[in-house]
Structure formats: structure tokens, C-alpha cells
C-alpha atoms as a PDB file:
ATOM      1  CA  GLN A   1     -33.698  92.809   2.380  1.00  0.00           C
ATOM      2  CA  TYR A   2     -36.983  92.632   0.444  1.00  0.00           C
ATOM      3  CA  GLN A   3     -35.497  89.992  -1.863  1.00  0.00           C
ATOM      4  CA  GLN A   4     -34.321  87.976   1.122  1.00  0.00           C
ATOM      5  CA  GLN A   5     -37.810  88.074   2.672  1.00  0.00           C
ATOM      6  CA  GLN A   6     -39.312  87.082  -0.663  1.00  0.00           C
ATOM      7  CA  GLN A   7     -36.899  84.145  -0.960  1.00  0.00           C
ATOM      8  CA  GLN A   8     -37.626  83.006   2.609  1.00  0.00           C
ATOM      9  CA  GLY A   9     -41.347  83.190   1.875  1.00  0.00           C
ATOM     10  CA  ALA A  10     -40.917  81.088  -1.262  1.00  0.00           C
ATOM     11  CA  GLU A  11     -38.824  78.515   0.617  1.00  0.00           C
ATOM     12  CA  GLY A  12     -41.406  78.315   3.410  1.00  0.00           C
ATOM     13  CA  GLU A  13     -44.186  77.855   0.859  1.00  0.00           C
ATOM     14  CA  ALA A  14     -42.234  75.068  -0.882  1.00  0.00           C
ATOM     15  CA  ASN A  15     -41.670  73.289   2.447  1.00  0.00           C
ATOM     16  CA  THR A  16     -45.375  73.577   3.272  1.00  0.00           C
ATOM     17  CA  ARG A  17     -46.333  72.133  -0.122  1.00  0.00           C
ATOM     18  CA  LYS A  18     -43.855  69.291   0.402  1.00  0.00           C
ATOM     19  CA  LYS A  19     -45.359  68.457   3.814  1.00  0.00           C
ATOM     20  CA  VAL A  20     -48.905  68.650   2.469  1.00  0.00           C
ATOM     21  CA  SER A  21     -47.989  66.382  -0.462  1.00  0.00           C
ATOM     22  CA  TYR A  22     -47.290  63.569   2.018  1.00  0.00           C
ATOM     23  CA  ILE A  23     -50.556  63.954   3.915  1.00  0.00           C
ATOM     24  CA  VAL A  24     -52.907  62.722   1.185  1.00  0.00           C
ATOM     25  CA  PRO A  25     -51.024  59.477   0.370  1.00  0.00           C
ATOM     26  CA  MET A  26     -50.529  58.815   4.076  1.00  0.00           C
ATOM     27  CA  LYS A  27     -54.236  59.209   4.791  1.00  0.00           C
ATOM     28  CA  ARG A  28     -55.142  57.031   1.816  1.00  0.00           C
ATOM     29  CA  ALA A  29     -52.753  54.260   2.847  1.00  0.00           C
ATOM     30  CA  LEU A  30     -54.042  54.260   6.411  1.00  0.00           C
ATOM     31  CA  GLN A  31     -57.664  54.312   5.252  1.00  0.00           C
ATOM     32  CA  LEU A  32     -57.012  51.332   2.971  1.00  0.00           C
ATOM     33  CA  LEU A  33     -55.397  49.422   5.818  1.00  0.00           C
ATOM     34  CA  ARG A  34     -58.257  50.253   8.205  1.00  0.00           C
ATOM     35  CA  THR A  35     -60.844  49.233   5.629  1.00  0.00           C
ATOM     36  CA  LEU A  36     -59.128  45.937   4.930  1.00  0.00           C
ATOM     37  CA  LYS A  37     -58.784  45.181   8.641  1.00  0.00           C
ATOM     38  CA  THR A  38     -62.370  46.003   9.587  1.00  0.00           C
ATOM     39  CA  ASN A  39     -64.308  44.660   6.602  1.00  0.00           C
ATOM     40  CA  LYS A  40     -64.192  41.196   5.156  1.00  0.00           C
ATOM     41  CA  HIS A  41     -62.706  41.711   1.733  1.00  0.00           C
ATOM     42  CA  VAL A  42     -61.221  39.337  -0.755  1.00  0.00           C
ATOM     43  CA  VAL A  43     -57.759  40.572   0.230  1.00  0.00           C
ATOM     44  CA  ASP A  44     -56.562  40.511   3.824  1.00  0.00           C
ATOM     45  CA  PRO A  45     -53.947  43.096   4.758  1.00  0.00           C
ATOM     46  CA  ASN A  46     -50.639  41.606   3.660  1.00  0.00           C
ATOM     47  CA  ILE A  47     -47.021  42.653   4.034  1.00  0.00           C
ATOM     48  CA  VAL A  48     -47.140  44.750   0.853  1.00  0.00           C
ATOM     49  CA  ILE A  49     -50.046  46.811   2.173  1.00  0.00           C
ATOM     50  CA  TYR A  50     -48.373  47.224   5.558  1.00  0.00           C
ATOM     51  CA  ASN A  51     -45.110  48.259   3.879  1.00  0.00           C
ATOM     52  CA  ALA A  52     -46.956  50.892   1.831  1.00  0.00           C
ATOM     53  CA  ALA A  53     -48.674  52.257   4.947  1.00  0.00           C
ATOM     54  CA  ILE A  54     -45.405  52.288   6.897  1.00  0.00           C
ATOM     55  CA  ARG A  55     -43.727  54.136   4.039  1.00  0.00           C
ATOM     56  CA  ALA A  56     -46.534  56.700   3.867  1.00  0.00           C
ATOM     57  CA  LEU A  57     -46.262  57.317   7.610  1.00  0.00           C
ATOM     58  CA  GLY A  58     -42.494  57.568   7.389  1.00  0.00           C
ATOM     59  CA  GLU A  59     -42.652  60.074   4.555  1.00  0.00           C
ATOM     60  CA  GLY A  60     -45.062  62.116   6.643  1.00  0.00           C
ATOM     61  CA  ASN A  61     -42.627  61.956   9.604  1.00  0.00           C
ATOM     62  CA  HIS A  62     -45.088  59.983  11.717  1.00  0.00           C
ATOM     63  CA  LEU A  63     -42.557  57.534  13.113  1.00  0.00           C
ATOM     64  CA  ASN A  64     -44.670  56.515  16.095  1.00  0.00           C
ATOM     65  CA  GLY A  65     -47.420  55.434  13.724  1.00  0.00           C
ATOM     66  CA  ALA A  66     -44.931  53.581  11.520  1.00  0.00           C
ATOM     67  CA  PHE A  67     -43.573  51.657  14.517  1.00  0.00           C
ATOM     68  CA  LYS A  68     -47.111  50.945  15.694  1.00  0.00           C
ATOM     69  CA  LEU A  69     -47.918  49.394  12.307  1.00  0.00           C
ATOM     70  CA  MET A  70     -44.748  47.315  12.568  1.00  0.00           C
ATOM     71  CA  GLU A  71     -46.007  45.935  15.878  1.00  0.00           C
ATOM     72  CA  ASP A  72     -49.509  45.404  14.444  1.00  0.00           C
ATOM     73  CA  LEU A  73     -48.250  43.407  11.496  1.00  0.00           C
ATOM     74  CA  THR A  74     -46.261  41.015  13.671  1.00  0.00           C
ATOM     75  CA  THR A  75     -49.131  40.702  16.138  1.00  0.00           C
ATOM     76  CA  GLY A  76     -51.327  39.818  13.163  1.00  0.00           C
ATOM     77  CA  GLY A  77     -48.997  36.979  12.207  1.00  0.00           C
ATOM     78  CA  LEU A  78     -47.115  38.634   9.350  1.00  0.00           C
ATOM     79  CA  VAL A  79     -43.339  38.578   9.094  1.00  0.00           C
ATOM     80  CA  PRO A  80     -41.472  41.817   8.361  1.00  0.00           C
ATOM     81  CA  THR A  81     -39.300  41.722   5.247  1.00  0.00           C
ATOM     82  CA  GLU A  82     -36.122  43.524   4.269  1.00  0.00           C
ATOM     83  CA  VAL A  83     -38.368  46.110   2.637  1.00  0.00           C
ATOM     84  CA  THR A  84     -40.205  46.667   5.918  1.00  0.00           C
ATOM     85  CA  TYR A  85     -36.989  47.181   7.862  1.00  0.00           C
ATOM     86  CA  GLY A  86     -35.431  49.325   5.130  1.00  0.00           C
ATOM     87  CA  THR A  87     -38.518  51.504   4.945  1.00  0.00           C
ATOM     88  CA  LEU A  88     -38.425  52.107   8.690  1.00  0.00           C
ATOM     89  CA  MET A  89     -34.688  52.820   8.614  1.00  0.00           C
ATOM     90  CA  CYS A  90     -35.152  55.391   5.837  1.00  0.00           C
ATOM     91  CA  ALA A  91     -37.962  57.030   7.779  1.00  0.00           C
ATOM     92  CA  CYS A  92     -35.776  57.263  10.876  1.00  0.00           C
ATOM     93  CA  GLU A  93     -32.886  58.668   8.851  1.00  0.00           C
ATOM     94  CA  ARG A  94     -35.156  61.244   7.183  1.00  0.00           C
ATOM     95  CA  ALA A  95     -36.392  62.378  10.607  1.00  0.00           C
ATOM     96  CA  GLY A  96     -32.908  62.297  12.146  1.00  0.00           C
ATOM     97  CA  ASP A  97     -34.148  59.794  14.737  1.00  0.00           C
ATOM     98  CA  TYR A  98     -31.105  57.646  15.428  1.00  0.00           C
ATOM     99  CA  ASN A  99     -32.722  56.101  18.501  1.00  0.00           C
ATOM    100  CA  GLY A 100     -35.448  54.927  16.137  1.00  0.00           C
ATOM    101  CA  MET A 101     -32.787  53.225  14.021  1.00  0.00           C
ATOM    102  CA  ASN A 102     -31.661  51.373  17.130  1.00  0.00           C
ATOM    103  CA  LYS A 103     -35.285  50.339  17.683  1.00  0.00           C
ATOM    104  CA  VAL A 104     -35.356  48.884  14.158  1.00  0.00           C
ATOM    105  CA  PHE A 105     -32.159  46.903  14.822  1.00  0.00           C
ATOM    106  CA  ALA A 106     -33.598  45.614  18.112  1.00  0.00           C
ATOM    107  CA  PHE A 107     -36.818  44.646  16.333  1.00  0.00           C
ATOM    108  CA  MET A 108     -34.790  42.788  13.677  1.00  0.00           C
ATOM    109  CA  ALA A 109     -32.878  40.882  16.315  1.00  0.00           C
ATOM    110  CA  LYS A 110     -36.109  39.954  18.085  1.00  0.00           C
ATOM    111  CA  HIS A 111     -37.817  38.652  14.955  1.00  0.00           C
END
């Protein structure tokens, strides 16, 4: 029983480290996007930057934020690419959100 508790503790610690490992890149991607949107830089936020931010949110299981960025990029005049849609689909699959997958298909049909 002690070994089982030890193993469960190790598994829980590994899962926590995995979740934490997504937080830093996600925060960095969102900060970069915010900075580029609010300050006049040489580079305007482009589809590559949005895709990276969407991926970071998806890997952190923040699907609402990922879908919000998808709406923001189209509102800003950018066109989603296959990478954008694929990134969102992978995020939905990772989270087990099959309704989210349907949202991606509906978004594809609309745009």
C-alpha cells in the first residue's frame, strides 16, 4: 500500500509539472500578442503570432481563450489558415471537447 501511495504521489507530481510547463509559454505568447496589439511595433500581429498564441492556449487547456483569439484574428482582418484550424482541432481533441471540434468546423464553413 505504501508503494501504491508513493506511485500515486509521483504520478500526481508529474501531472502538476506537465500542467505548469504549459503555463509559462502560454503567458509569454499572450504577452507578446498583447504587446504587439497595444504598441506600435515594426511587426503587427500576423497569423503566425496568432497561431502560436492559440497553440499555447490549447496546450494549456484554455479553449475559450483559443476560440476568442480565433475571433479576434478574423475581426482584425486576418484569415485563418489550415494551421490555425488544425491547432484548434488538436486542442479540442486534447481536452476531449467534441463540441469544440464542431465549432471549428462551423467556423471553417463560415470563413
